[in-house]
Amino acid sequence: MTVIIGTVTLPESEVARYYEHGLYLVTYTKVYQLFYTAASRQYYGQMVFHLPREKGQPGLVKRGRYKAMTAEQVNRLIGFDLLRV
């Protein structure tokens, strides 16, 4: 089974591993927190940060890519303490 979070499609097992380790999914301009709902037994992501990017400004990661990061890594990447460490 696959899970779609923003523009990223991942196998459920990979999302489960990220969720269990408390990681966030970082895309070109967005950061998603991962959740699991027991009622429907599925994983999903909720956007917690959107980079207001201007032309010529770099994204958080390369366009079309994603990274799984800890809260501390995300805070360092965006330049302020958004997430609880």
PDB file of N, CA and C in Angstrom:
ATOM      1  N   MET A   1       0.841  -1.179   0.000  1.00  0.00           N
ATOM      2  CA  MET A   1       0.000   0.000   0.000  1.00  0.00           C
ATOM      3  C   MET A   1       0.889   1.246   0.000  1.00  0.00           C
ATOM      4  N   THR A   2       0.468   2.290  -0.688  1.00  0.00           N
ATOM      5  CA  THR A   2       1.248   3.521  -0.741  1.00  0.00           C
ATOM      6  C   THR A   2       0.508   4.652  -0.021  1.00  0.00           C
ATOM      7  N   VAL A   3       1.299   5.619   0.429  1.00  0.00           N
ATOM      8  CA  VAL A   3       0.766   6.779   1.133  1.00  0.00           C
ATOM      9  C   VAL A   3       1.234   8.021   0.371  1.00  0.00           C
ATOM     10  N   ILE A   4       0.325   8.938   0.113  1.00  0.00           N
ATOM     11  CA  ILE A   4       0.664  10.178  -0.573  1.00  0.00           C
ATOM     12  C   ILE A   4       0.617  11.323   0.431  1.00  0.00           C
ATOM     13  N   ILE A   5       1.755  12.002   0.574  1.00  0.00           N
ATOM     14  CA  ILE A   5       1.860  13.145   1.477  1.00  0.00           C
ATOM     15  C   ILE A   5       2.379  14.308   0.642  1.00  0.00           C
ATOM     16  N   GLY A   6       1.524  15.285   0.405  1.00  0.00           N
ATOM     17  CA  GLY A   6       1.897  16.388  -0.477  1.00  0.00           C
ATOM     18  C   GLY A   6       2.149  15.855  -1.873  1.00  0.00           C
ATOM     19  N   THR A   7       3.359  16.039  -2.362  1.00  0.00           N
ATOM     20  CA  THR A   7       3.732  15.556  -3.691  1.00  0.00           C
ATOM     21  C   THR A   7       4.542  14.265  -3.629  1.00  0.00           C
ATOM     22  N   VAL A   8       4.676  13.701  -2.434  1.00  0.00           N
ATOM     23  CA  VAL A   8       5.525  12.523  -2.230  1.00  0.00           C
ATOM     24  C   VAL A   8       4.666  11.271  -2.081  1.00  0.00           C
ATOM     25  N   THR A   9       5.011  10.232  -2.821  1.00  0.00           N
ATOM     26  CA  THR A   9       4.343   8.931  -2.709  1.00  0.00           C
ATOM     27  C   THR A   9       5.346   7.944  -2.124  1.00  0.00           C
ATOM     28  N   LEU A  10       4.979   7.349  -0.988  1.00  0.00           N
ATOM     29  CA  LEU A  10       5.879   6.446  -0.273  1.00  0.00           C
ATOM     30  C   LEU A  10       5.170   5.145   0.089  1.00  0.00           C
ATOM     31  N   PRO A  11       5.947   4.055   0.222  1.00  0.00           N
ATOM     32  CA  PRO A  11       5.349   2.820   0.741  1.00  0.00           C
ATOM     33  C   PRO A  11       4.940   3.021   2.206  1.00  0.00           C
ATOM     34  N   GLU A  12       3.869   2.388   2.595  1.00  0.00           N
ATOM     35  CA  GLU A  12       3.367   2.533   3.964  1.00  0.00           C
ATOM     36  C   GLU A  12       4.418   2.137   4.999  1.00  0.00           C
ATOM     37  N   SER A  13       5.222   1.127   4.704  1.00  0.00           N
ATOM     38  CA  SER A  13       6.245   0.685   5.646  1.00  0.00           C
ATOM     39  C   SER A  13       7.284   1.777   5.909  1.00  0.00           C
ATOM     40  N   GLU A  14       7.620   2.549   4.885  1.00  0.00           N
ATOM     41  CA  GLU A  14       8.587   3.632   5.053  1.00  0.00           C
ATOM     42  C   GLU A  14       7.994   4.773   5.877  1.00  0.00           C
ATOM     43  N   VAL A  15       6.740   5.120   5.622  1.00  0.00           N
ATOM     44  CA  VAL A  15       6.061   6.155   6.401  1.00  0.00           C
ATOM     45  C   VAL A  15       5.940   5.704   7.856  1.00  0.00           C
ATOM     46  N   ALA A  16       5.634   4.438   8.079  1.00  0.00           N
ATOM     47  CA  ALA A  16       5.526   3.902   9.438  1.00  0.00           C
ATOM     48  C   ALA A  16       6.860   4.043  10.175  1.00  0.00           C
ATOM     49  N   ARG A  17       7.954   3.775   9.494  1.00  0.00           N
ATOM     50  CA  ARG A  17       9.279   3.886  10.108  1.00  0.00           C
ATOM     51  C   ARG A  17       9.575   5.345  10.465  1.00  0.00           C
ATOM     52  N   TYR A  18       9.276   6.275   9.560  1.00  0.00           N
ATOM     53  CA  TYR A  18       9.478   7.694   9.839  1.00  0.00           C
ATOM     54  C   TYR A  18       8.627   8.137  11.031  1.00  0.00           C
ATOM     55  N   TYR A  19       7.371   7.694  11.057  1.00  0.00           N
ATOM     56  CA  TYR A  19       6.442   8.049  12.136  1.00  0.00           C
ATOM     57  C   TYR A  19       6.949   7.535  13.488  1.00  0.00           C
ATOM     58  N   GLU A  20       7.396   6.298  13.517  1.00  0.00           N
ATOM     59  CA  GLU A  20       7.874   5.696  14.769  1.00  0.00           C
ATOM     60  C   GLU A  20       9.119   6.395  15.305  1.00  0.00           C
ATOM     61  N   HIS A  21       9.930   6.967  14.419  1.00  0.00           N
ATOM     62  CA  HIS A  21      11.139   7.670  14.840  1.00  0.00           C
ATOM     63  C   HIS A  21      10.900   9.171  15.043  1.00  0.00           C
ATOM     64  N   GLY A  22       9.648   9.615  14.869  1.00  0.00           N
ATOM     65  CA  GLY A  22       9.306  11.017  15.094  1.00  0.00           C
ATOM     66  C   GLY A  22       9.890  11.970  14.065  1.00  0.00           C
ATOM     67  N   LEU A  23      10.035  11.508  12.828  1.00  0.00           N
ATOM     68  CA  LEU A  23      10.624  12.341  11.787  1.00  0.00           C
ATOM     69  C   LEU A  23       9.563  13.147  11.043  1.00  0.00           C
ATOM     70  N   TYR A  24       9.997  14.221  10.433  1.00  0.00           N
ATOM     71  CA  TYR A  24       9.160  15.093   9.616  1.00  0.00           C
ATOM     72  C   TYR A  24       9.563  14.917   8.161  1.00  0.00           C
ATOM     73  N   LEU A  25       8.629  15.103   7.262  1.00  0.00           N
ATOM     74  CA  LEU A  25       8.897  14.990   5.834  1.00  0.00           C
ATOM     75  C   LEU A  25       9.068  16.402   5.271  1.00  0.00           C
ATOM     76  N   VAL A  26      10.234  16.660   4.673  1.00  0.00           N
ATOM     77  CA  VAL A  26      10.550  17.979   4.143  1.00  0.00           C
ATOM     78  C   VAL A  26      10.594  17.903   2.622  1.00  0.00           C
ATOM     79  N   THR A  27       9.796  18.745   1.961  1.00  0.00           N
ATOM     80  CA  THR A  27       9.804  18.828   0.500  1.00  0.00           C
ATOM     81  C   THR A  27      10.388  20.182   0.096  1.00  0.00           C
ATOM     82  N   TYR A  28      10.257  20.542  -1.153  1.00  0.00           N
ATOM     83  CA  TYR A  28      10.865  21.761  -1.689  1.00  0.00           C
ATOM     84  C   TYR A  28      10.489  23.018  -0.895  1.00  0.00           C
ATOM     85  N   THR A  29       9.212  23.191  -0.575  1.00  0.00           N
ATOM     86  CA  THR A  29       8.799  24.389   0.174  1.00  0.00           C
ATOM     87  C   THR A  29       7.944  24.081   1.402  1.00  0.00           C
ATOM     88  N   LYS A  30       7.770  22.804   1.736  1.00  0.00           N
ATOM     89  CA  LYS A  30       6.862  22.467   2.845  1.00  0.00           C
ATOM     90  C   LYS A  30       7.470  21.438   3.797  1.00  0.00           C
ATOM     91  N   VAL A  31       6.970  21.494   5.042  1.00  0.00           N
ATOM     92  CA  VAL A  31       7.341  20.516   6.065  1.00  0.00           C
ATOM     93  C   VAL A  31       6.051  19.866   6.542  1.00  0.00           C
ATOM     94  N   TYR A  32       6.035  18.541   6.575  1.00  0.00           N
ATOM     95  CA  TYR A  32       4.852  17.785   6.993  1.00  0.00           C
ATOM     96  C   TYR A  32       5.164  16.989   8.254  1.00  0.00           C
ATOM     97  N   GLN A  33       4.219  17.020   9.202  1.00  0.00           N
ATOM     98  CA  GLN A  33       4.292  16.155  10.380  1.00  0.00           C
ATOM     99  C   GLN A  33       3.477  14.909  10.058  1.00  0.00           C
ATOM    100  N   LEU A  34       3.981  13.755  10.448  1.00  0.00           N
ATOM    101  CA  LEU A  34       3.313  12.489  10.151  1.00  0.00           C
ATOM    102  C   LEU A  34       2.417  12.062  11.306  1.00  0.00           C
ATOM    103  N   PHE A  35       1.282  11.485  10.949  1.00  0.00           N
ATOM    104  CA  PHE A  35       0.309  11.007  11.931  1.00  0.00           C
ATOM    105  C   PHE A  35      -0.196   9.634  11.520  1.00  0.00           C
ATOM    106  N   TYR A  36      -0.764   8.929  12.503  1.00  0.00           N
ATOM    107  CA  TYR A  36      -1.422   7.640  12.251  1.00  0.00           C
ATOM    108  C   TYR A  36      -2.802   7.697  12.882  1.00  0.00           C
ATOM    109  N   THR A  37      -3.815   7.320  12.125  1.00  0.00           N
ATOM    110  CA  THR A  37      -5.162   7.267  12.671  1.00  0.00           C
ATOM    111  C   THR A  37      -5.560   5.808  12.853  1.00  0.00           C
ATOM    112  N   ALA A  38      -5.852   5.441  14.092  1.00  0.00           N
ATOM    113  CA  ALA A  38      -6.213   4.057  14.397  1.00  0.00           C
ATOM    114  C   ALA A  38      -7.590   3.705  13.849  1.00  0.00           C
ATOM    115  N   ALA A  39      -8.481   4.684  13.776  1.00  0.00           N
ATOM    116  CA  ALA A  39      -9.846   4.435  13.308  1.00  0.00           C
ATOM    117  C   ALA A  39      -9.853   3.898  11.869  1.00  0.00           C
ATOM    118  N   SER A  40      -9.076   4.526  11.001  1.00  0.00           N
ATOM    119  CA  SER A  40      -9.037   4.048   9.606  1.00  0.00           C
ATOM    120  C   SER A  40      -7.733   3.330   9.280  1.00  0.00           C
ATOM    121  N   ARG A  41      -6.887   3.154  10.278  1.00  0.00           N
ATOM    122  CA  ARG A  41      -5.620   2.424  10.152  1.00  0.00           C
ATOM    123  C   ARG A  41      -4.791   2.887   8.961  1.00  0.00           C
ATOM    124  N   GLN A  42      -4.521   4.194   8.936  1.00  0.00           N
ATOM    125  CA  GLN A  42      -3.684   4.710   7.866  1.00  0.00           C
ATOM    126  C   GLN A  42      -2.843   5.897   8.344  1.00  0.00           C
ATOM    127  N   TYR A  43      -1.753   6.106   7.622  1.00  0.00           N
ATOM    128  CA  TYR A  43      -0.840   7.205   7.903  1.00  0.00           C
ATOM    129  C   TYR A  43      -1.181   8.379   6.996  1.00  0.00           C
ATOM    130  N   TYR A  44      -0.915   9.588   7.509  1.00  0.00           N
ATOM    131  CA  TYR A  44      -1.116  10.780   6.701  1.00  0.00           C
ATOM    132  C   TYR A  44      -0.168  11.870   7.199  1.00  0.00           C
ATOM    133  N   GLY A  45      -0.035  12.917   6.418  1.00  0.00           N
ATOM    134  CA  GLY A  45       0.824  14.021   6.804  1.00  0.00           C
ATOM    135  C   GLY A  45       0.051  15.318   6.827  1.00  0.00           C
ATOM    136  N   GLN A  46       0.389  16.179   7.765  1.00  0.00           N
ATOM    137  CA  GLN A  46      -0.230  17.492   7.865  1.00  0.00           C
ATOM    138  C   GLN A  46       0.866  18.542   7.735  1.00  0.00           C
ATOM    139  N   MET A  47       0.657  19.520   6.856  1.00  0.00           N
ATOM    140  CA  MET A  47       1.648  20.563   6.645  1.00  0.00           C
ATOM    141  C   MET A  47       1.751  21.437   7.892  1.00  0.00           C
ATOM    142  N   VAL A  48       2.994  21.636   8.366  1.00  0.00           N
ATOM    143  CA  VAL A  48       3.222  22.474   9.539  1.00  0.00           C
ATOM    144  C   VAL A  48       4.036  23.720   9.205  1.00  0.00           C
ATOM    145  N   PHE A  49       4.616  23.780   8.000  1.00  0.00           N
ATOM    146  CA  PHE A  49       5.391  24.951   7.594  1.00  0.00           C
ATOM    147  C   PHE A  49       5.396  25.049   6.082  1.00  0.00           C
ATOM    148  N   HIS A  50       5.246  26.288   5.585  1.00  0.00           N
ATOM    149  CA  HIS A  50       5.335  26.561   4.151  1.00  0.00           C
ATOM    150  C   HIS A  50       6.330  27.700   3.965  1.00  0.00           C
ATOM    151  N   LEU A  51       7.345  27.480   3.157  1.00  0.00           N
ATOM    152  CA  LEU A  51       8.366  28.489   2.897  1.00  0.00           C
ATOM    153  C   LEU A  51       7.835  29.511   1.898  1.00  0.00           C
ATOM    154  N   PRO A  52       7.709  30.780   2.301  1.00  0.00           N
ATOM    155  CA  PRO A  52       7.259  31.812   1.362  1.00  0.00           C
ATOM    156  C   PRO A  52       8.421  32.193   0.439  1.00  0.00           C
ATOM    157  N   ARG A  53       8.635  31.374  -0.562  1.00  0.00           N
ATOM    158  CA  ARG A  53       9.796  31.483  -1.429  1.00  0.00           C
ATOM    159  C   ARG A  53       9.597  32.516  -2.528  1.00  0.00           C
ATOM    160  N   GLU A  54      10.633  33.308  -2.748  1.00  0.00           N
ATOM    161  CA  GLU A  54      10.615  34.271  -3.840  1.00  0.00           C
ATOM    162  C   GLU A  54      11.516  33.768  -4.953  1.00  0.00           C
ATOM    163  N   LYS A  55      11.323  34.301  -6.156  1.00  0.00           N
ATOM    164  CA  LYS A  55      12.100  33.875  -7.309  1.00  0.00           C
ATOM    165  C   LYS A  55      13.589  34.018  -7.023  1.00  0.00           C
ATOM    166  N   GLY A  56      14.338  32.977  -7.315  1.00  0.00           N
ATOM    167  CA  GLY A  56      15.777  32.979  -7.087  1.00  0.00           C
ATOM    168  C   GLY A  56      16.194  32.475  -5.720  1.00  0.00           C
ATOM    169  N   GLN A  57      15.255  32.388  -4.802  1.00  0.00           N
ATOM    170  CA  GLN A  57      15.555  31.891  -3.454  1.00  0.00           C
ATOM    171  C   GLN A  57      15.520  30.363  -3.476  1.00  0.00           C
ATOM    172  N   PRO A  58      16.483  29.708  -2.840  1.00  0.00           N
ATOM    173  CA  PRO A  58      16.486  28.237  -2.839  1.00  0.00           C
ATOM    174  C   PRO A  58      15.363  27.661  -1.984  1.00  0.00           C
ATOM    175  N   GLY A  59      14.972  26.429  -2.298  1.00  0.00           N
ATOM    176  CA  GLY A  59      13.979  25.720  -1.504  1.00  0.00           C
ATOM    177  C   GLY A  59      14.633  25.037  -0.313  1.00  0.00           C
ATOM    178  N   LEU A  60      13.844  24.306   0.436  1.00  0.00           N
ATOM    179  CA  LEU A  60      14.358  23.588   1.602  1.00  0.00           C
ATOM    180  C   LEU A  60      15.215  22.398   1.185  1.00  0.00           C
ATOM    181  N   VAL A  61      14.776  21.678   0.168  1.00  0.00           N
ATOM    182  CA  VAL A  61      15.541  20.592  -0.453  1.00  0.00           C
ATOM    183  C   VAL A  61      15.406  20.771  -1.964  1.00  0.00           C
ATOM    184  N   LYS A  62      16.120  19.974  -2.741  1.00  0.00           N
ATOM    185  CA  LYS A  62      16.020  20.099  -4.195  1.00  0.00           C
ATOM    186  C   LYS A  62      14.597  19.831  -4.672  1.00  0.00           C
ATOM    187  N   ARG A  63      14.198  20.541  -5.708  1.00  0.00           N
ATOM    188  CA  ARG A  63      12.859  20.371  -6.275  1.00  0.00           C
ATOM    189  C   ARG A  63      12.676  18.909  -6.713  1.00  0.00           C
ATOM    190  N   GLY A  64      11.512  18.337  -6.361  1.00  0.00           N
ATOM    191  CA  GLY A  64      11.217  16.956  -6.719  1.00  0.00           C
ATOM    192  C   GLY A  64      11.777  15.926  -5.752  1.00  0.00           C
ATOM    193  N   ARG A  65      12.480  16.380  -4.728  1.00  0.00           N
ATOM    194  CA  ARG A  65      13.063  15.475  -3.726  1.00  0.00           C
ATOM    195  C   ARG A  65      12.364  15.677  -2.383  1.00  0.00           C
ATOM    196  N   TYR A  66      12.701  14.804  -1.448  1.00  0.00           N
ATOM    197  CA  TYR A  66      12.219  14.961  -0.074  1.00  0.00           C
ATOM    198  C   TYR A  66      13.271  14.416   0.866  1.00  0.00           C
ATOM    199  N   LYS A  67      13.195  14.816   2.121  1.00  0.00           N
ATOM    200  CA  LYS A  67      14.073  14.283   3.156  1.00  0.00           C
ATOM    201  C   LYS A  67      13.252  14.075   4.412  1.00  0.00           C
ATOM    202  N   ALA A  68      13.581  13.040   5.146  1.00  0.00           N
ATOM    203  CA  ALA A  68      12.989  12.806   6.462  1.00  0.00           C
ATOM    204  C   ALA A  68      13.973  13.365   7.481  1.00  0.00           C
ATOM    205  N   MET A  69      13.499  14.280   8.341  1.00  0.00           N
ATOM    206  CA  MET A  69      14.378  14.961   9.285  1.00  0.00           C
ATOM    207  C   MET A  69      13.774  15.001  10.679  1.00  0.00           C
ATOM    208  N   THR A  70      14.651  15.135  11.664  1.00  0.00           N
ATOM    209  CA  THR A  70      14.199  15.316  13.044  1.00  0.00           C
ATOM    210  C   THR A  70      13.726  16.753  13.225  1.00  0.00           C
ATOM    211  N   ALA A  71      13.050  17.018  14.323  1.00  0.00           N
ATOM    212  CA  ALA A  71      12.580  18.372  14.626  1.00  0.00           C
ATOM    213  C   ALA A  71      13.763  19.330  14.732  1.00  0.00           C
ATOM    214  N   GLU A  72      14.841  18.897  15.342  1.00  0.00           N
ATOM    215  CA  GLU A  72      16.032  19.738  15.491  1.00  0.00           C
ATOM    216  C   GLU A  72      16.620  20.099  14.121  1.00  0.00           C
ATOM    217  N   GLN A  73      16.688  19.134  13.226  1.00  0.00           N
ATOM    218  CA  GLN A  73      17.216  19.387  11.882  1.00  0.00           C
ATOM    219  C   GLN A  73      16.316  20.355  11.111  1.00  0.00           C
ATOM    220  N   VAL A  74      14.997  20.189  11.238  1.00  0.00           N
ATOM    221  CA  VAL A  74      14.059  21.087  10.558  1.00  0.00           C
ATOM    222  C   VAL A  74      14.212  22.505  11.103  1.00  0.00           C
ATOM    223  N   ASN A  75      14.288  22.658  12.419  1.00  0.00           N
ATOM    224  CA  ASN A  75      14.457  23.985  13.018  1.00  0.00           C
ATOM    225  C   ASN A  75      15.726  24.663  12.503  1.00  0.00           C
ATOM    226  N   ARG A  76      16.802  23.907  12.407  1.00  0.00           N
ATOM    227  CA  ARG A  76      18.055  24.441  11.905  1.00  0.00           C
ATOM    228  C   ARG A  76      17.918  24.843  10.432  1.00  0.00           C
ATOM    229  N   LEU A  77      17.224  24.030   9.653  1.00  0.00           N
ATOM    230  CA  LEU A  77      17.043  24.284   8.222  1.00  0.00           C
ATOM    231  C   LEU A  77      16.237  25.564   7.962  1.00  0.00           C
ATOM    232  N   ILE A  78      15.155  25.766   8.724  1.00  0.00           N
ATOM    233  CA  ILE A  78      14.308  26.935   8.473  1.00  0.00           C
ATOM    234  C   ILE A  78      14.798  28.185   9.218  1.00  0.00           C
ATOM    235  N   GLY A  79      15.688  28.000  10.175  1.00  0.00           N
ATOM    236  CA  GLY A  79      16.316  29.155  10.826  1.00  0.00           C
ATOM    237  C   GLY A  79      15.662  29.669  12.090  1.00  0.00           C
ATOM    238  N   PHE A  80      14.658  28.976  12.588  1.00  0.00           N
ATOM    239  CA  PHE A  80      14.045  29.345  13.862  1.00  0.00           C
ATOM    240  C   PHE A  80      13.383  28.132  14.497  1.00  0.00           C
ATOM    241  N   ASP A  81      13.061  28.222  15.791  1.00  0.00           N
ATOM    242  CA  ASP A  81      12.496  27.104  16.537  1.00  0.00           C
ATOM    243  C   ASP A  81      10.978  27.019  16.315  1.00  0.00           C
ATOM    244  N   LEU A  82      10.586  26.259  15.335  1.00  0.00           N
ATOM    245  CA  LEU A  82       9.175  26.041  15.044  1.00  0.00           C
ATOM    246  C   LEU A  82       8.668  24.797  15.762  1.00  0.00           C
ATOM    247  N   LEU A  83       9.466  23.744  15.731  1.00  0.00           N
ATOM    248  CA  LEU A  83       9.058  22.439  16.256  1.00  0.00           C
ATOM    249  C   LEU A  83       9.679  22.170  17.616  1.00  0.00           C
ATOM    250  N   ARG A  84       8.934  21.491  18.460  1.00  0.00           N
ATOM    251  CA  ARG A  84       9.434  21.111  19.785  1.00  0.00           C
ATOM    252  C   ARG A  84      10.441  19.977  19.629  1.00  0.00           C
ATOM    253  N   VAL A  85      11.587  20.152  20.253  1.00  0.00           N
ATOM    254  CA  VAL A  85      12.662  19.156  20.160  1.00  0.00           C
ATOM    255  C   VAL A  85      12.541  18.166  21.276  1.00  0.00           C
TER     256      VAL A  85
END
